[in-house]
Amino acid sequence: MKSSGFVAAGVLAIGLSSVLAPAAAAQDFGSFGQYQPCSNQFRLPWEPDTPTKNVVLSPFGTADMHCASWHGVTEIYQIDPWGNKHRINRAQIVVPLPFFVWNPATF
C-alpha cells in the first residue's frame, strides 16, 4: 500500500510538472532571407584547384545550387533534375577550404 502511494505521488508530480512547466522557447534561428544561385562558388573535387571555390561532392555536379547566409551561418541546397531540394552539408574534415557533401534526403 505504501509503494502505491509513492507511485501515485510520482505520477502526480510528473503530471503537474509537465503542465506547470514553462513552454520551451527555441532560439529563433532567424530568417535566411532570399536564397541566391551560388553554383559559381563551387567546384568538383577532380576539377582544377581554384583557391576561391569550395569543393562539393554531388551526383548533380555544381548545377542549381542555392545559398543564403545569416550571422555567419550558411545554408546551401541543390535542386535535382526532378525538382527536389537536397541539403548540401559541410563535411567535418580539416582542409584549407570547406568541403561540402550532397545529402540524399529531400525537403
C-alpha atoms as a PDB file:
ATOM      1  CA  MET A   1       0.000   0.000   0.000  1.00  0.00           C
ATOM      2  CA  LYS A   2       2.853   2.314   0.835  1.00  0.00           C
ATOM      3  CA  SER A   3       4.539   1.754  -2.551  1.00  0.00           C
ATOM      4  CA  SER A   4       1.326   2.524  -4.449  1.00  0.00           C
ATOM      5  CA  GLY A   5       1.196   5.854  -2.583  1.00  0.00           C
ATOM      6  CA  PHE A   6       4.725   6.644  -3.768  1.00  0.00           C
ATOM      7  CA  VAL A   7       3.792   5.705  -7.328  1.00  0.00           C
ATOM      8  CA  ALA A   8       0.680   7.892  -7.212  1.00  0.00           C
ATOM      9  CA  ALA A   9       2.696  10.801  -5.794  1.00  0.00           C
ATOM     10  CA  GLY A  10       5.322  10.353  -8.520  1.00  0.00           C
ATOM     11  CA  VAL A  11       2.717  10.296 -11.282  1.00  0.00           C
ATOM     12  CA  LEU A  12       1.057  13.389  -9.831  1.00  0.00           C
ATOM     13  CA  ALA A  13       4.401  15.215  -9.592  1.00  0.00           C
ATOM     14  CA  ILE A  14       5.309  14.377 -13.189  1.00  0.00           C
ATOM     15  CA  GLY A  15       1.869  15.370 -14.405  1.00  0.00           C
ATOM     16  CA  LEU A  16       1.934  18.699 -12.597  1.00  0.00           C
ATOM     17  CA  SER A  17       5.477  19.480 -13.690  1.00  0.00           C
ATOM     18  CA  SER A  18       4.583  18.950 -17.331  1.00  0.00           C
ATOM     19  CA  VAL A  19       1.503  21.178 -17.020  1.00  0.00           C
ATOM     20  CA  LEU A  20       3.122  23.901 -14.930  1.00  0.00           C
ATOM     21  CA  ALA A  21       6.476  23.961 -16.716  1.00  0.00           C
ATOM     22  CA  PRO A  22       7.105  26.996 -18.892  1.00  0.00           C
ATOM     23  CA  ALA A  23       6.807  26.452 -22.603  1.00  0.00           C
ATOM     24  CA  ALA A  24      10.089  25.632 -24.266  1.00  0.00           C
ATOM     25  CA  ALA A  25      11.284  28.600 -26.232  1.00  0.00           C
ATOM     26  CA  ALA A  26      13.550  27.558 -29.048  1.00  0.00           C
ATOM     27  CA  GLN A  27      16.018  30.202 -30.032  1.00  0.00           C
ATOM     28  CA  ASP A  28      14.976  31.868 -33.231  1.00  0.00           C
ATOM     29  CA  PHE A  29      17.460  30.900 -35.899  1.00  0.00           C
ATOM     30  CA  GLY A  30      16.450  33.927 -37.914  1.00  0.00           C
ATOM     31  CA  SER A  31      15.382  34.325 -41.445  1.00  0.00           C
ATOM     32  CA  PHE A  32      17.912  33.376 -44.051  1.00  0.00           C
ATOM     33  CA  GLY A  33      16.075  35.684 -46.401  1.00  0.00           C
ATOM     34  CA  GLN A  34      16.348  35.026 -50.079  1.00  0.00           C
ATOM     35  CA  TYR A  35      18.371  32.128 -51.372  1.00  0.00           C
ATOM     36  CA  GLN A  36      20.597  33.151 -54.253  1.00  0.00           C
ATOM     37  CA  PRO A  37      22.080  30.973 -57.010  1.00  0.00           C
ATOM     38  CA  CYS A  38      25.651  30.143 -55.986  1.00  0.00           C
ATOM     39  CA  SER A  39      26.834  27.382 -58.335  1.00  0.00           C
ATOM     40  CA  ASN A  40      29.754  29.607 -59.339  1.00  0.00           C
ATOM     41  CA  GLN A  41      31.187  29.348 -55.794  1.00  0.00           C
ATOM     42  CA  PHE A  42      31.746  25.582 -56.015  1.00  0.00           C
ATOM     43  CA  ARG A  43      33.853  23.103 -57.944  1.00  0.00           C
ATOM     44  CA  LEU A  44      34.045  19.317 -58.117  1.00  0.00           C
ATOM     45  CA  PRO A  45      36.993  17.519 -56.455  1.00  0.00           C
ATOM     46  CA  TRP A  46      38.556  16.498 -59.786  1.00  0.00           C
ATOM     47  CA  GLU A  47      38.358  19.964 -61.357  1.00  0.00           C
ATOM     48  CA  PRO A  48      41.465  22.187 -61.340  1.00  0.00           C
ATOM     49  CA  ASP A  49      42.173  23.761 -57.977  1.00  0.00           C
ATOM     50  CA  THR A  50      40.858  27.289 -57.575  1.00  0.00           C
ATOM     51  CA  PRO A  51      41.590  28.939 -54.223  1.00  0.00           C
ATOM     52  CA  THR A  52      38.300  30.848 -54.185  1.00  0.00           C
ATOM     53  CA  LYS A  53      35.960  27.919 -54.882  1.00  0.00           C
ATOM     54  CA  ASN A  54      34.701  25.391 -52.340  1.00  0.00           C
ATOM     55  CA  VAL A  55      34.743  21.692 -53.170  1.00  0.00           C
ATOM     56  CA  VAL A  56      31.375  19.939 -53.387  1.00  0.00           C
ATOM     57  CA  LEU A  57      30.728  16.243 -53.859  1.00  0.00           C
ATOM     58  CA  SER A  58      27.340  15.788 -55.520  1.00  0.00           C
ATOM     59  CA  PRO A  59      25.909  13.458 -58.191  1.00  0.00           C
ATOM     60  CA  PHE A  60      24.483  16.551 -59.899  1.00  0.00           C
ATOM     61  CA  GLY A  61      27.759  18.451 -60.068  1.00  0.00           C
ATOM     62  CA  THR A  62      27.515  22.126 -59.233  1.00  0.00           C
ATOM     63  CA  ALA A  63      24.236  22.772 -61.076  1.00  0.00           C
ATOM     64  CA  ASP A  64      21.272  24.510 -59.427  1.00  0.00           C
ATOM     65  CA  MET A  65      22.907  25.282 -56.080  1.00  0.00           C
ATOM     66  CA  HIS A  66      21.381  27.991 -53.885  1.00  0.00           C
ATOM     67  CA  CYS A  67      22.894  29.672 -50.820  1.00  0.00           C
ATOM     68  CA  ALA A  68      21.772  32.001 -48.045  1.00  0.00           C
ATOM     69  CA  SER A  69      23.720  33.278 -45.045  1.00  0.00           C
ATOM     70  CA  TRP A  70      22.693  34.710 -41.699  1.00  0.00           C
ATOM     71  CA  HIS A  71      25.127  35.717 -38.954  1.00  0.00           C
ATOM     72  CA  GLY A  72      27.974  33.680 -40.387  1.00  0.00           C
ATOM     73  CA  VAL A  73      25.911  30.525 -40.894  1.00  0.00           C
ATOM     74  CA  THR A  74      25.418  29.431 -44.484  1.00  0.00           C
ATOM     75  CA  GLU A  75      22.615  27.195 -45.718  1.00  0.00           C
ATOM     76  CA  ILE A  76      23.026  25.501 -49.093  1.00  0.00           C
ATOM     77  CA  TYR A  77      20.681  23.333 -51.088  1.00  0.00           C
ATOM     78  CA  GLN A  78      20.719  21.850 -54.581  1.00  0.00           C
ATOM     79  CA  ILE A  79      17.764  21.157 -56.845  1.00  0.00           C
ATOM     80  CA  ASP A  80      17.914  17.812 -58.634  1.00  0.00           C
ATOM     81  CA  PRO A  81      16.607  17.307 -62.210  1.00  0.00           C
ATOM     82  CA  TRP A  82      13.192  16.278 -60.784  1.00  0.00           C
ATOM     83  CA  GLY A  83      12.785  19.478 -58.775  1.00  0.00           C
ATOM     84  CA  ASN A  84      13.594  18.030 -55.320  1.00  0.00           C
ATOM     85  CA  LYS A  85      15.712  20.071 -52.916  1.00  0.00           C
ATOM     86  CA  HIS A  86      18.709  18.387 -51.284  1.00  0.00           C
ATOM     87  CA  ARG A  87      20.694  19.938 -48.478  1.00  0.00           C
ATOM     88  CA  ILE A  88      24.418  20.404 -49.046  1.00  0.00           C
ATOM     89  CA  ASN A  89      26.229  19.794 -45.738  1.00  0.00           C
ATOM     90  CA  ARG A  90      29.688  20.905 -44.757  1.00  0.00           C
ATOM     91  CA  ALA A  91      31.920  17.884 -44.174  1.00  0.00           C
ATOM     92  CA  GLN A  92      33.632  17.576 -40.809  1.00  0.00           C
ATOM     93  CA  ILE A  93      37.182  17.232 -42.102  1.00  0.00           C
ATOM     94  CA  VAL A  94      40.111  19.603 -41.868  1.00  0.00           C
ATOM     95  CA  VAL A  95      41.113  21.011 -45.241  1.00  0.00           C
ATOM     96  CA  PRO A  96      42.185  24.524 -46.289  1.00  0.00           C
ATOM     97  CA  LEU A  97      38.796  25.234 -47.873  1.00  0.00           C
ATOM     98  CA  PRO A  98      35.413  23.928 -46.734  1.00  0.00           C
ATOM     99  CA  PHE A  99      34.375  20.621 -48.278  1.00  0.00           C
ATOM    100  CA  PHE A 100      30.652  20.140 -48.905  1.00  0.00           C
ATOM    101  CA  VAL A 101      28.732  16.889 -49.412  1.00  0.00           C
ATOM    102  CA  TRP A 102      25.335  16.289 -51.018  1.00  0.00           C
ATOM    103  CA  ASN A 103      22.654  14.882 -48.710  1.00  0.00           C
ATOM    104  CA  PRO A 104      20.323  12.397 -50.482  1.00  0.00           C
ATOM    105  CA  ALA A 105      17.375  13.292 -48.216  1.00  0.00           C
ATOM    106  CA  THR A 106      14.945  15.773 -49.727  1.00  0.00           C
ATOM    107  CA  PHE A 107      12.982  18.531 -48.040  1.00  0.00           C
END
